[in-house]
Amino acid sequence: MEYRKLAAELLGSFLFFSIGYLSVAAFGAANAPGLLVVPFSFGFGLLAAIFAFGHISGGHFNPAVTVAMVLDGRTTPIEAVGYIVSQVIGAIAAGALVLVAVNQDAVAAGVTKPGGAVTDIGALLIETVATAGFIAVILASTRRAPALAALAIPLTLVAIHFATASLTGASVNPARSLGSALMGADLAAVWIYIVAPVVGAALGWAAWKLVDGGGETAPA
């Protein structure tokens, strides 16, 4: 396993989540509308991570993406374990940054959990479907339009945030949820955001294989 790739996944995840987590603290401190700040911050944070480190590791920065890449034969299971550990460490480090620089309440404000009248099962369903769609975009864009993938993927994440942030917290990424939950000391709903993205990754990959097949071109 090439350790440069693991370092890229760790640093890219740290950059991605630091921008996202800090945006939650920033809009809270400034009393700005969260749905105008946070979706773009996570999307642009992912964009920054992809351009900074994606050329080294492939730019997963999400255990659900890594699972899908294993299913699609683009990543080995052994490499996937290293990627996922690196992603989670990067997320925890980003949460620790907000904890030290601001406070624990700022980290806790970014914890993903069901909102309003949404039940745990409702959140599980929404996160599963959102992750499946996200994964389908990632698999298709990196295979069929690699030149546009670095833009298509972050923009899809922005769209997912606009659609689901007030309902589920818009995770679609176990590392994103673990980092804020662990540093924010709120693990009550974290299981939703581990189970749903993994199931969604499998469903998104299955849809991609069924409709497109994924053959003909080399992996991105």
N, C-alpha and C. Protein backbone atom coordinates (compact mmCIF):
# COMPACT_ATOMS: atom_id res chain seq x y z
N MET A 1 0.84 -1.20 0.00
CA MET A 1 0.00 0.00 0.00
C MET A 1 0.88 1.25 0.00
N GLU A 2 0.57 2.20 -0.86
CA GLU A 2 1.36 3.41 -0.96
C GLU A 2 0.93 4.41 0.11
N TYR A 3 1.85 4.77 0.98
CA TYR A 3 1.49 5.63 2.11
C TYR A 3 1.20 7.07 1.70
N ARG A 4 1.67 7.47 0.53
CA ARG A 4 1.31 8.79 0.02
C ARG A 4 -0.21 8.89 -0.17
N LYS A 5 -0.81 7.81 -0.61
CA LYS A 5 -2.26 7.80 -0.81
C LYS A 5 -3.00 7.94 0.52
N LEU A 6 -2.51 7.24 1.53
CA LEU A 6 -3.14 7.33 2.85
C LEU A 6 -3.00 8.74 3.41
N ALA A 7 -1.82 9.33 3.23
CA ALA A 7 -1.61 10.70 3.70
C ALA A 7 -2.53 11.66 2.96
N ALA A 8 -2.72 11.43 1.67
CA ALA A 8 -3.60 12.29 0.88
C ALA A 8 -5.04 12.18 1.35
N GLU A 9 -5.48 10.96 1.66
CA GLU A 9 -6.84 10.79 2.16
C GLU A 9 -7.03 11.44 3.52
N LEU A 10 -6.02 11.33 4.38
CA LEU A 10 -6.10 11.95 5.70
C LEU A 10 -6.11 13.48 5.59
N LEU A 11 -5.17 14.03 4.84
CA LEU A 11 -5.07 15.48 4.72
C LEU A 11 -6.26 16.06 3.95
N GLY A 12 -6.68 15.35 2.91
CA GLY A 12 -7.84 15.81 2.16
C GLY A 12 -9.10 15.80 2.99
N SER A 13 -9.28 14.76 3.78
CA SER A 13 -10.43 14.69 4.67
C SER A 13 -10.37 15.78 5.72
N PHE A 14 -9.18 16.01 6.25
CA PHE A 14 -9.02 17.09 7.25
C PHE A 14 -9.39 18.45 6.65
N LEU A 15 -8.92 18.73 5.45
CA LEU A 15 -9.23 19.99 4.79
C LEU A 15 -10.73 20.11 4.51
N PHE A 16 -11.30 19.07 3.94
CA PHE A 16 -12.73 19.02 3.62
C PHE A 16 -13.59 19.27 4.85
N PHE A 17 -13.34 18.51 5.89
CA PHE A 17 -14.19 18.60 7.08
C PHE A 17 -13.90 19.85 7.92
N SER A 18 -12.67 20.30 7.90
CA SER A 18 -12.37 21.54 8.62
C SER A 18 -13.18 22.70 8.06
N ILE A 19 -13.23 22.80 6.74
CA ILE A 19 -14.02 23.86 6.10
C ILE A 19 -15.50 23.69 6.43
N GLY A 20 -15.98 22.45 6.35
CA GLY A 20 -17.39 22.20 6.65
C GLY A 20 -17.75 22.46 8.10
N TYR A 21 -16.97 21.90 9.02
CA TYR A 21 -17.26 22.08 10.45
C TYR A 21 -17.16 23.54 10.86
N LEU A 22 -16.13 24.22 10.38
CA LEU A 22 -15.95 25.62 10.74
C LEU A 22 -17.08 26.49 10.20
N SER A 23 -17.66 26.10 9.08
CA SER A 23 -18.77 26.88 8.53
C SER A 23 -19.98 26.83 9.46
N VAL A 24 -20.17 25.69 10.12
CA VAL A 24 -21.28 25.58 11.08
C VAL A 24 -21.04 26.52 12.24
N ALA A 25 -19.81 26.54 12.74
CA ALA A 25 -19.47 27.45 13.84
C ALA A 25 -19.58 28.91 13.39
N ALA A 26 -19.19 29.17 12.16
CA ALA A 26 -19.19 30.54 11.66
C ALA A 26 -20.60 31.09 11.49
N PHE A 27 -21.49 30.30 10.90
CA PHE A 27 -22.84 30.83 10.68
C PHE A 27 -23.57 30.95 12.01
N GLY A 28 -23.21 30.10 12.98
CA GLY A 28 -23.83 30.22 14.30
C GLY A 28 -23.38 31.49 15.01
N ALA A 29 -22.09 31.79 14.91
CA ALA A 29 -21.55 32.99 15.57
C ALA A 29 -22.06 34.27 14.91
N ALA A 30 -22.24 34.20 13.57
CA ALA A 30 -22.67 35.39 12.83
C ALA A 30 -24.18 35.49 12.71
N ASN A 31 -24.88 34.48 13.22
CA ASN A 31 -26.33 34.42 13.11
C ASN A 31 -26.78 34.50 11.65
N ALA A 32 -26.02 33.83 10.78
CA ALA A 32 -26.35 33.80 9.35
C ALA A 32 -27.21 32.58 9.04
N PRO A 33 -28.00 32.62 7.97
CA PRO A 33 -28.83 31.47 7.60
C PRO A 33 -27.98 30.26 7.24
N GLY A 34 -28.10 29.18 7.99
CA GLY A 34 -27.27 28.00 7.78
C GLY A 34 -27.42 27.39 6.42
N LEU A 35 -28.63 27.42 5.85
CA LEU A 35 -28.84 26.80 4.55
C LEU A 35 -28.27 27.61 3.41
N LEU A 36 -27.74 28.78 3.70
CA LEU A 36 -27.02 29.55 2.67
C LEU A 36 -25.52 29.41 2.82
N VAL A 37 -25.07 28.95 3.97
CA VAL A 37 -23.64 28.89 4.26
C VAL A 37 -23.11 27.46 4.20
N VAL A 38 -23.70 26.58 4.97
CA VAL A 38 -23.13 25.25 5.17
C VAL A 38 -23.11 24.38 3.91
N PRO A 39 -24.18 24.33 3.11
CA PRO A 39 -24.12 23.49 1.91
C PRO A 39 -22.96 23.84 0.98
N PHE A 40 -22.77 25.14 0.75
CA PHE A 40 -21.68 25.55 -0.12
C PHE A 40 -20.32 25.30 0.54
N SER A 41 -20.24 25.43 1.85
CA SER A 41 -18.97 25.20 2.53
C SER A 41 -18.54 23.75 2.43
N PHE A 42 -19.47 22.82 2.63
CA PHE A 42 -19.10 21.41 2.48
C PHE A 42 -18.78 21.08 1.02
N GLY A 43 -19.56 21.63 0.09
CA GLY A 43 -19.29 21.37 -1.31
C GLY A 43 -17.96 21.93 -1.76
N PHE A 44 -17.69 23.19 -1.38
CA PHE A 44 -16.42 23.81 -1.77
C PHE A 44 -15.26 23.21 -0.99
N GLY A 45 -15.53 22.74 0.24
CA GLY A 45 -14.48 22.05 0.99
C GLY A 45 -14.07 20.77 0.29
N LEU A 46 -15.05 20.04 -0.23
CA LEU A 46 -14.75 18.83 -0.99
C LEU A 46 -14.00 19.18 -2.28
N LEU A 47 -14.42 20.26 -2.93
CA LEU A 47 -13.74 20.71 -4.14
C LEU A 47 -12.27 21.01 -3.85
N ALA A 48 -12.01 21.71 -2.75
CA ALA A 48 -10.63 22.04 -2.38
C ALA A 48 -9.82 20.78 -2.13
N ALA A 49 -10.40 19.82 -1.42
CA ALA A 49 -9.70 18.57 -1.11
C ALA A 49 -9.39 17.79 -2.38
N ILE A 50 -10.35 17.77 -3.31
CA ILE A 50 -10.15 17.04 -4.57
C ILE A 50 -8.99 17.65 -5.36
N PHE A 51 -8.97 18.97 -5.46
CA PHE A 51 -7.91 19.61 -6.24
C PHE A 51 -6.55 19.53 -5.53
N ALA A 52 -6.56 19.56 -4.20
CA ALA A 52 -5.30 19.51 -3.46
C ALA A 52 -4.70 18.12 -3.41
N PHE A 53 -5.52 17.10 -3.19
CA PHE A 53 -5.00 15.75 -2.91
C PHE A 53 -5.62 14.63 -3.75
N GLY A 54 -6.68 14.95 -4.50
CA GLY A 54 -7.39 13.90 -5.23
C GLY A 54 -6.54 13.20 -6.28
N HIS A 55 -5.58 13.91 -6.87
CA HIS A 55 -4.75 13.30 -7.91
C HIS A 55 -3.80 12.25 -7.34
N ILE A 56 -3.62 12.25 -6.02
CA ILE A 56 -2.73 11.27 -5.39
C ILE A 56 -3.47 10.00 -5.00
N SER A 57 -4.63 10.17 -4.37
CA SER A 57 -5.35 9.01 -3.82
C SER A 57 -6.60 8.63 -4.59
N GLY A 58 -7.03 9.49 -5.49
CA GLY A 58 -8.32 9.28 -6.14
C GLY A 58 -9.42 10.13 -5.53
N GLY A 59 -9.11 10.76 -4.39
CA GLY A 59 -10.05 11.70 -3.78
C GLY A 59 -11.33 11.10 -3.27
N HIS A 60 -11.24 10.06 -2.43
CA HIS A 60 -12.46 9.47 -1.85
C HIS A 60 -13.01 10.37 -0.75
N PHE A 61 -12.24 10.56 0.31
CA PHE A 61 -12.60 11.40 1.45
C PHE A 61 -13.95 11.02 2.07
N ASN A 62 -14.33 9.77 1.93
CA ASN A 62 -15.65 9.30 2.37
C ASN A 62 -15.64 7.78 2.37
N PRO A 63 -15.85 7.13 3.52
CA PRO A 63 -15.87 5.67 3.54
C PRO A 63 -16.90 5.05 2.59
N ALA A 64 -18.02 5.74 2.38
CA ALA A 64 -19.03 5.21 1.46
C ALA A 64 -18.49 5.15 0.04
N VAL A 65 -17.73 6.16 -0.35
CA VAL A 65 -17.11 6.16 -1.67
C VAL A 65 -16.10 5.02 -1.78
N THR A 66 -15.33 4.83 -0.74
CA THR A 66 -14.33 3.75 -0.75
C THR A 66 -15.01 2.39 -0.86
N VAL A 67 -16.10 2.19 -0.14
CA VAL A 67 -16.85 0.93 -0.26
C VAL A 67 -17.32 0.72 -1.70
N ALA A 68 -17.85 1.76 -2.31
CA ALA A 68 -18.32 1.66 -3.69
C ALA A 68 -17.18 1.35 -4.64
N MET A 69 -16.02 1.94 -4.39
CA MET A 69 -14.88 1.69 -5.26
C MET A 69 -14.37 0.25 -5.13
N VAL A 70 -14.50 -0.32 -3.94
CA VAL A 70 -14.16 -1.74 -3.77
C VAL A 70 -15.14 -2.60 -4.55
N LEU A 71 -16.42 -2.31 -4.42
CA LEU A 71 -17.44 -3.08 -5.14
C LEU A 71 -17.25 -2.99 -6.65
N ASP A 72 -16.78 -1.83 -7.12
CA ASP A 72 -16.58 -1.63 -8.56
C ASP A 72 -15.21 -2.09 -9.04
N GLY A 73 -14.41 -2.64 -8.13
CA GLY A 73 -13.11 -3.16 -8.51
C GLY A 73 -12.05 -2.12 -8.76
N ARG A 74 -12.26 -0.88 -8.29
CA ARG A 74 -11.29 0.18 -8.51
C ARG A 74 -10.31 0.33 -7.34
N THR A 75 -10.65 -0.28 -6.21
CA THR A 75 -9.82 -0.23 -5.00
C THR A 75 -9.81 -1.61 -4.37
N THR A 76 -8.68 -2.02 -3.83
CA THR A 76 -8.61 -3.32 -3.17
C THR A 76 -9.15 -3.22 -1.74
N PRO A 77 -9.65 -4.31 -1.19
CA PRO A 77 -10.14 -4.28 0.20
C PRO A 77 -9.07 -3.84 1.19
N ILE A 78 -7.83 -4.27 0.99
CA ILE A 78 -6.75 -3.89 1.91
C ILE A 78 -6.51 -2.39 1.85
N GLU A 79 -6.45 -1.85 0.65
CA GLU A 79 -6.26 -0.41 0.50
C GLU A 79 -7.45 0.35 1.09
N ALA A 80 -8.64 -0.22 0.93
CA ALA A 80 -9.85 0.43 1.44
C ALA A 80 -9.80 0.61 2.94
N VAL A 81 -9.29 -0.39 3.66
CA VAL A 81 -9.19 -0.28 5.12
C VAL A 81 -8.31 0.91 5.49
N GLY A 82 -7.16 1.04 4.83
CA GLY A 82 -6.27 2.15 5.09
C GLY A 82 -6.92 3.48 4.76
N TYR A 83 -7.64 3.52 3.66
CA TYR A 83 -8.34 4.75 3.26
C TYR A 83 -9.35 5.17 4.32
N ILE A 84 -10.17 4.22 4.76
CA ILE A 84 -11.23 4.54 5.71
C ILE A 84 -10.65 5.01 7.04
N VAL A 85 -9.62 4.34 7.52
CA VAL A 85 -8.97 4.77 8.76
C VAL A 85 -8.43 6.19 8.59
N SER A 86 -7.81 6.47 7.47
CA SER A 86 -7.26 7.80 7.22
C SER A 86 -8.36 8.86 7.18
N GLN A 87 -9.47 8.53 6.53
CA GLN A 87 -10.59 9.47 6.44
C GLN A 87 -11.16 9.79 7.82
N VAL A 88 -11.31 8.77 8.64
CA VAL A 88 -11.87 8.98 9.98
C VAL A 88 -10.90 9.81 10.84
N ILE A 89 -9.61 9.51 10.74
CA ILE A 89 -8.62 10.29 11.49
C ILE A 89 -8.67 11.76 11.05
N GLY A 90 -8.77 11.98 9.75
CA GLY A 90 -8.86 13.35 9.24
C GLY A 90 -10.08 14.08 9.77
N ALA A 91 -11.21 13.36 9.84
CA ALA A 91 -12.45 13.96 10.35
C ALA A 91 -12.34 14.28 11.84
N ILE A 92 -11.77 13.36 12.60
CA ILE A 92 -11.59 13.60 14.04
C ILE A 92 -10.66 14.78 14.27
N ALA A 93 -9.59 14.87 13.48
CA ALA A 93 -8.67 15.99 13.61
C ALA A 93 -9.36 17.31 13.29
N ALA A 94 -10.24 17.31 12.29
CA ALA A 94 -10.99 18.52 11.95
C ALA A 94 -11.93 18.91 13.08
N GLY A 95 -12.57 17.91 13.69
CA GLY A 95 -13.43 18.19 14.84
C GLY A 95 -12.63 18.72 16.01
N ALA A 96 -11.42 18.17 16.20
CA ALA A 96 -10.55 18.64 17.28
C ALA A 96 -10.11 20.07 17.04
N LEU A 97 -9.90 20.43 15.79
CA LEU A 97 -9.54 21.82 15.46
C LEU A 97 -10.62 22.79 15.92
N VAL A 98 -11.87 22.46 15.61
CA VAL A 98 -12.98 23.33 16.01
C VAL A 98 -13.13 23.33 17.53
N LEU A 99 -12.93 22.18 18.15
CA LEU A 99 -13.02 22.07 19.61
C LEU A 99 -12.01 22.99 20.29
N VAL A 100 -10.78 22.96 19.82
CA VAL A 100 -9.71 23.75 20.44
C VAL A 100 -9.83 25.23 20.07
N ALA A 101 -10.13 25.50 18.81
CA ALA A 101 -10.15 26.88 18.34
C ALA A 101 -11.41 27.63 18.75
N VAL A 102 -12.53 26.91 18.86
CA VAL A 102 -13.79 27.56 19.22
C VAL A 102 -14.25 26.98 20.56
N ASN A 103 -15.09 25.97 20.53
CA ASN A 103 -15.49 25.27 21.75
C ASN A 103 -16.27 24.02 21.37
N GLN A 104 -16.61 23.21 22.37
CA GLN A 104 -17.30 21.96 22.08
C GLN A 104 -18.71 22.19 21.55
N ASP A 105 -19.35 23.24 21.99
CA ASP A 105 -20.70 23.54 21.48
C ASP A 105 -20.69 23.78 19.98
N ALA A 106 -19.61 24.40 19.49
CA ALA A 106 -19.49 24.65 18.05
C ALA A 106 -19.37 23.35 17.28
N VAL A 107 -18.66 22.38 17.86
CA VAL A 107 -18.55 21.07 17.22
C VAL A 107 -19.89 20.36 17.28
N ALA A 108 -20.52 20.39 18.44
CA ALA A 108 -21.80 19.71 18.63
C ALA A 108 -22.88 20.26 17.71
N ALA A 109 -22.78 21.54 17.35
CA ALA A 109 -23.77 22.14 16.45
C ALA A 109 -23.74 21.49 15.07
N GLY A 110 -22.59 20.88 14.74
CA GLY A 110 -22.46 20.23 13.44
C GLY A 110 -22.72 18.74 13.46
N VAL A 111 -23.18 18.21 14.58
CA VAL A 111 -23.49 16.79 14.67
C VAL A 111 -24.71 16.48 13.80
N THR A 112 -24.60 15.45 12.98
CA THR A 112 -25.73 15.07 12.13
C THR A 112 -26.72 14.24 12.94
N LYS A 113 -27.99 14.64 12.89
CA LYS A 113 -29.05 13.93 13.61
C LYS A 113 -30.38 14.25 12.94
N PRO A 114 -31.37 13.40 13.14
CA PRO A 114 -32.69 13.69 12.57
C PRO A 114 -33.24 15.01 13.09
N GLY A 115 -33.84 15.79 12.21
CA GLY A 115 -34.37 17.08 12.61
C GLY A 115 -35.87 17.15 12.49
N GLY A 116 -36.47 18.06 13.23
CA GLY A 116 -37.91 18.26 13.15
C GLY A 116 -38.70 17.02 13.48
N ALA A 117 -39.61 16.68 12.61
CA ALA A 117 -40.48 15.53 12.84
C ALA A 117 -39.95 14.25 12.21
N VAL A 118 -38.70 14.28 11.73
CA VAL A 118 -38.12 13.10 11.07
C VAL A 118 -37.70 12.08 12.12
N THR A 119 -38.16 10.85 11.97
CA THR A 119 -37.79 9.78 12.89
C THR A 119 -36.42 9.21 12.52
N ASP A 120 -35.89 8.38 13.38
CA ASP A 120 -34.62 7.72 13.08
C ASP A 120 -34.72 6.90 11.79
N ILE A 121 -35.84 6.20 11.63
CA ILE A 121 -36.03 5.38 10.43
C ILE A 121 -36.16 6.27 9.20
N GLY A 122 -36.87 7.38 9.35
CA GLY A 122 -36.98 8.33 8.25
C GLY A 122 -35.63 8.87 7.84
N ALA A 123 -34.82 9.23 8.84
CA ALA A 123 -33.47 9.73 8.54
C ALA A 123 -32.62 8.66 7.89
N LEU A 124 -32.75 7.43 8.37
CA LEU A 124 -32.01 6.31 7.78
C LEU A 124 -32.37 6.15 6.31
N LEU A 125 -33.64 6.24 5.99
CA LEU A 125 -34.10 6.10 4.61
C LEU A 125 -33.58 7.24 3.74
N ILE A 126 -33.72 8.47 4.24
CA ILE A 126 -33.27 9.63 3.46
C ILE A 126 -31.77 9.57 3.20
N GLU A 127 -31.00 9.27 4.23
CA GLU A 127 -29.55 9.21 4.08
C GLU A 127 -29.12 8.07 3.14
N THR A 128 -29.85 6.97 3.18
CA THR A 128 -29.53 5.85 2.29
C THR A 128 -29.75 6.23 0.84
N VAL A 129 -30.91 6.81 0.56
CA VAL A 129 -31.23 7.20 -0.81
C VAL A 129 -30.30 8.31 -1.30
N ALA A 130 -30.03 9.30 -0.44
CA ALA A 130 -29.14 10.39 -0.83
C ALA A 130 -27.73 9.88 -1.13
N THR A 131 -27.26 8.95 -0.29
CA THR A 131 -25.92 8.38 -0.53
C THR A 131 -25.89 7.58 -1.82
N ALA A 132 -26.95 6.81 -2.08
CA ALA A 132 -27.00 6.02 -3.32
C ALA A 132 -26.91 6.93 -4.54
N GLY A 133 -27.64 8.04 -4.51
CA GLY A 133 -27.57 8.98 -5.63
C GLY A 133 -26.20 9.61 -5.76
N PHE A 134 -25.62 9.97 -4.63
CA PHE A 134 -24.29 10.57 -4.61
C PHE A 134 -23.26 9.61 -5.20
N ILE A 135 -23.33 8.36 -4.78
CA ILE A 135 -22.39 7.34 -5.27
C ILE A 135 -22.57 7.11 -6.76
N ALA A 136 -23.80 7.08 -7.23
CA ALA A 136 -24.05 6.89 -8.66
C ALA A 136 -23.41 8.01 -9.47
N VAL A 137 -23.52 9.24 -8.98
CA VAL A 137 -22.89 10.38 -9.66
C VAL A 137 -21.37 10.22 -9.66
N ILE A 138 -20.81 9.80 -8.54
CA ILE A 138 -19.36 9.64 -8.45
C ILE A 138 -18.86 8.56 -9.40
N LEU A 139 -19.52 7.41 -9.39
CA LEU A 139 -19.09 6.32 -10.26
C LEU A 139 -19.23 6.69 -11.73
N ALA A 140 -20.35 7.33 -12.07
CA ALA A 140 -20.58 7.68 -13.47
C ALA A 140 -19.65 8.79 -13.94
N SER A 141 -19.50 9.84 -13.13
CA SER A 141 -18.69 10.98 -13.58
C SER A 141 -17.21 10.63 -13.68
N THR A 142 -16.71 9.85 -12.73
CA THR A 142 -15.29 9.50 -12.77
C THR A 142 -14.98 8.53 -13.91
N ARG A 143 -15.98 7.78 -14.34
CA ARG A 143 -15.76 6.83 -15.43
C ARG A 143 -16.08 7.43 -16.79
N ARG A 144 -17.17 8.17 -16.87
CA ARG A 144 -17.66 8.65 -18.16
C ARG A 144 -17.26 10.09 -18.49
N ALA A 145 -17.05 10.90 -17.47
CA ALA A 145 -16.69 12.30 -17.71
C ALA A 145 -15.67 12.75 -16.68
N PRO A 146 -14.49 12.14 -16.65
CA PRO A 146 -13.51 12.44 -15.61
C PRO A 146 -13.07 13.90 -15.57
N ALA A 147 -13.11 14.57 -16.70
CA ALA A 147 -12.71 15.98 -16.72
C ALA A 147 -13.68 16.86 -15.95
N LEU A 148 -14.93 16.40 -15.81
CA LEU A 148 -15.95 17.17 -15.12
C LEU A 148 -16.24 16.65 -13.72
N ALA A 149 -15.67 15.52 -13.37
CA ALA A 149 -16.00 14.87 -12.09
C ALA A 149 -15.69 15.75 -10.90
N ALA A 150 -14.58 16.49 -10.96
CA ALA A 150 -14.17 17.32 -9.82
C ALA A 150 -15.16 18.44 -9.54
N LEU A 151 -15.98 18.78 -10.53
CA LEU A 151 -17.03 19.78 -10.32
C LEU A 151 -18.38 19.12 -10.06
N ALA A 152 -18.67 18.05 -10.78
CA ALA A 152 -19.97 17.39 -10.64
C ALA A 152 -20.17 16.84 -9.24
N ILE A 153 -19.13 16.28 -8.64
CA ILE A 153 -19.26 15.65 -7.33
C ILE A 153 -19.51 16.68 -6.22
N PRO A 154 -18.71 17.74 -6.11
CA PRO A 154 -19.00 18.74 -5.07
C PRO A 154 -20.37 19.42 -5.27
N LEU A 155 -20.75 19.69 -6.51
CA LEU A 155 -22.04 20.33 -6.76
C LEU A 155 -23.19 19.41 -6.35
N THR A 156 -23.01 18.11 -6.55
CA THR A 156 -24.03 17.15 -6.09
C THR A 156 -24.13 17.17 -4.58
N LEU A 157 -22.99 17.28 -3.91
CA LEU A 157 -23.01 17.35 -2.45
C LEU A 157 -23.73 18.62 -1.98
N VAL A 158 -23.53 19.73 -2.66
CA VAL A 158 -24.26 20.96 -2.33
C VAL A 158 -25.76 20.73 -2.46
N ALA A 159 -26.16 20.10 -3.56
CA ALA A 159 -27.58 19.83 -3.79
C ALA A 159 -28.16 18.95 -2.70
N ILE A 160 -27.41 17.93 -2.30
CA ILE A 160 -27.86 17.03 -1.24
C ILE A 160 -28.04 17.79 0.07
N HIS A 161 -27.13 18.71 0.34
CA HIS A 161 -27.26 19.52 1.56
C HIS A 161 -28.52 20.38 1.52
N PHE A 162 -28.77 21.01 0.39
CA PHE A 162 -29.98 21.82 0.30
C PHE A 162 -31.23 20.97 0.49
N ALA A 163 -31.20 19.74 0.00
CA ALA A 163 -32.38 18.87 0.07
C ALA A 163 -32.59 18.26 1.44
N THR A 164 -31.50 17.96 2.16
CA THR A 164 -31.65 17.13 3.35
C THR A 164 -31.07 17.71 4.64
N ALA A 165 -30.40 18.86 4.58
CA ALA A 165 -29.72 19.37 5.77
C ALA A 165 -30.66 19.57 6.95
N SER A 166 -31.84 20.11 6.70
CA SER A 166 -32.77 20.37 7.80
C SER A 166 -33.51 19.12 8.24
N LEU A 167 -33.40 18.05 7.46
CA LEU A 167 -34.09 16.81 7.78
C LEU A 167 -33.19 15.81 8.50
N THR A 168 -31.95 15.68 8.00
CA THR A 168 -31.05 14.67 8.56
C THR A 168 -29.67 15.22 8.94
N GLY A 169 -29.37 16.44 8.56
CA GLY A 169 -28.03 16.97 8.75
C GLY A 169 -27.15 16.79 7.54
N ALA A 170 -27.66 16.07 6.52
CA ALA A 170 -26.95 15.91 5.24
C ALA A 170 -25.54 15.36 5.41
N SER A 171 -25.44 14.10 5.80
CA SER A 171 -24.12 13.50 5.99
C SER A 171 -23.62 12.82 4.71
N VAL A 172 -24.25 11.73 4.33
CA VAL A 172 -23.85 10.84 3.23
C VAL A 172 -22.36 10.45 3.34
N ASN A 173 -21.84 10.46 4.58
CA ASN A 173 -20.42 10.24 4.78
C ASN A 173 -20.18 9.86 6.25
N PRO A 174 -19.89 8.59 6.53
CA PRO A 174 -19.68 8.18 7.93
C PRO A 174 -18.57 8.95 8.64
N ALA A 175 -17.49 9.27 7.94
CA ALA A 175 -16.39 10.00 8.56
C ALA A 175 -16.84 11.39 8.99
N ARG A 176 -17.61 12.05 8.14
CA ARG A 176 -18.12 13.39 8.46
C ARG A 176 -18.92 13.37 9.76
N SER A 177 -19.77 12.34 9.92
CA SER A 177 -20.60 12.24 11.11
C SER A 177 -19.81 11.81 12.33
N LEU A 178 -18.86 10.91 12.16
CA LEU A 178 -18.06 10.44 13.29
C LEU A 178 -17.20 11.55 13.87
N GLY A 179 -16.60 12.37 13.00
CA GLY A 179 -15.73 13.43 13.50
C GLY A 179 -16.45 14.39 14.40
N SER A 180 -17.62 14.85 13.98
CA SER A 180 -18.37 15.81 14.80
C SER A 180 -19.01 15.14 16.00
N ALA A 181 -19.47 13.90 15.85
CA ALA A 181 -20.11 13.20 16.97
C ALA A 181 -19.11 12.91 18.09
N LEU A 182 -17.92 12.46 17.73
CA LEU A 182 -16.92 12.13 18.74
C LEU A 182 -16.40 13.38 19.44
N MET A 183 -16.06 14.40 18.69
CA MET A 183 -15.54 15.63 19.29
C MET A 183 -16.64 16.47 19.93
N GLY A 184 -17.88 16.29 19.47
CA GLY A 184 -19.00 17.01 20.05
C GLY A 184 -19.67 16.25 21.17
N ALA A 185 -19.17 15.04 21.45
CA ALA A 185 -19.68 14.19 22.55
C ALA A 185 -21.17 13.94 22.43
N ASP A 186 -21.61 13.58 21.22
CA ASP A 186 -23.02 13.27 20.99
C ASP A 186 -23.11 12.12 20.00
N LEU A 187 -23.15 10.91 20.54
CA LEU A 187 -23.14 9.70 19.71
C LEU A 187 -24.51 9.05 19.57
N ALA A 188 -25.55 9.73 20.03
CA ALA A 188 -26.88 9.13 20.09
C ALA A 188 -27.38 8.63 18.75
N ALA A 189 -27.17 9.41 17.69
CA ALA A 189 -27.73 9.05 16.39
C ALA A 189 -26.67 8.65 15.37
N VAL A 190 -25.42 8.50 15.82
CA VAL A 190 -24.34 8.29 14.86
C VAL A 190 -24.51 6.99 14.09
N TRP A 191 -25.19 6.00 14.67
CA TRP A 191 -25.37 4.71 13.98
C TRP A 191 -26.09 4.90 12.64
N ILE A 192 -27.02 5.85 12.59
CA ILE A 192 -27.75 6.10 11.35
C ILE A 192 -26.79 6.47 10.23
N TYR A 193 -25.80 7.28 10.59
CA TYR A 193 -24.90 7.86 9.60
C TYR A 193 -23.69 6.98 9.30
N ILE A 194 -23.67 5.82 9.93
CA ILE A 194 -22.72 4.78 9.56
C ILE A 194 -23.43 3.74 8.69
N VAL A 195 -24.60 3.31 9.13
CA VAL A 195 -25.34 2.27 8.40
C VAL A 195 -25.85 2.78 7.06
N ALA A 196 -26.51 3.94 7.06
CA ALA A 196 -27.15 4.43 5.83
C ALA A 196 -26.16 4.65 4.68
N PRO A 197 -25.01 5.31 4.90
CA PRO A 197 -24.09 5.50 3.78
C PRO A 197 -23.51 4.20 3.23
N VAL A 198 -23.27 3.23 4.10
CA VAL A 198 -22.73 1.96 3.62
C VAL A 198 -23.76 1.22 2.77
N VAL A 199 -25.00 1.18 3.25
CA VAL A 199 -26.06 0.56 2.46
C VAL A 199 -26.30 1.36 1.18
N GLY A 200 -26.30 2.69 1.30
CA GLY A 200 -26.47 3.53 0.13
C GLY A 200 -25.38 3.35 -0.90
N ALA A 201 -24.15 3.15 -0.43
CA ALA A 201 -23.03 2.91 -1.35
C ALA A 201 -23.26 1.65 -2.17
N ALA A 202 -23.72 0.59 -1.50
CA ALA A 202 -24.00 -0.66 -2.21
C ALA A 202 -25.14 -0.49 -3.20
N LEU A 203 -26.18 0.23 -2.80
CA LEU A 203 -27.32 0.44 -3.69
C LEU A 203 -26.94 1.33 -4.88
N GLY A 204 -26.16 2.38 -4.61
CA GLY A 204 -25.72 3.26 -5.69
C GLY A 204 -24.86 2.53 -6.69
N TRP A 205 -23.96 1.68 -6.18
CA TRP A 205 -23.12 0.88 -7.08
C TRP A 205 -23.97 -0.10 -7.89
N ALA A 206 -24.95 -0.74 -7.24
CA ALA A 206 -25.81 -1.70 -7.93
C ALA A 206 -26.60 -1.01 -9.05
N ALA A 207 -27.11 0.19 -8.78
CA ALA A 207 -27.84 0.94 -9.80
C ALA A 207 -26.93 1.29 -10.97
N TRP A 208 -25.71 1.72 -10.64
CA TRP A 208 -24.73 2.05 -11.68
C TRP A 208 -24.41 0.85 -12.55
N LYS A 209 -24.19 -0.30 -11.93
CA LYS A 209 -23.87 -1.51 -12.69
C LYS A 209 -25.05 -1.98 -13.53
N LEU A 210 -26.25 -1.86 -12.98
CA LEU A 210 -27.43 -2.32 -13.69
C LEU A 210 -27.71 -1.47 -14.92
N VAL A 211 -27.60 -0.17 -14.79
CA VAL A 211 -27.98 0.75 -15.86
C VAL A 211 -26.83 0.96 -16.86
N ASP A 212 -25.61 1.14 -16.34
CA ASP A 212 -24.49 1.48 -17.20
C ASP A 212 -23.56 0.31 -17.43
N GLY A 213 -23.23 -0.38 -16.37
CA GLY A 213 -22.32 -1.51 -16.49
C GLY A 213 -20.90 -1.18 -16.12
N GLY A 214 -20.50 0.08 -16.36
CA GLY A 214 -19.18 0.52 -15.92
C GLY A 214 -18.02 -0.01 -16.72
N GLY A 215 -18.26 -0.66 -17.84
CA GLY A 215 -17.18 -1.20 -18.63
C GLY A 215 -16.64 -0.22 -19.65
N GLU A 216 -15.84 -0.70 -20.55
CA GLU A 216 -15.36 -0.01 -21.73
C GLU A 216 -14.22 0.98 -21.50
N THR A 217 -14.25 1.72 -20.41
CA THR A 217 -13.19 2.70 -20.17
C THR A 217 -12.39 2.33 -18.94
N ALA A 218 -11.19 2.80 -18.85
CA ALA A 218 -10.32 2.47 -17.72
C ALA A 218 -10.76 3.24 -16.49
N PRO A 219 -10.49 2.71 -15.29
CA PRO A 219 -10.82 3.43 -14.07
C PRO A 219 -10.16 4.79 -14.04
N ALA A 220 -10.89 5.77 -13.47
CA ALA A 220 -10.33 7.12 -13.37
C ALA A 220 -9.28 7.18 -12.28
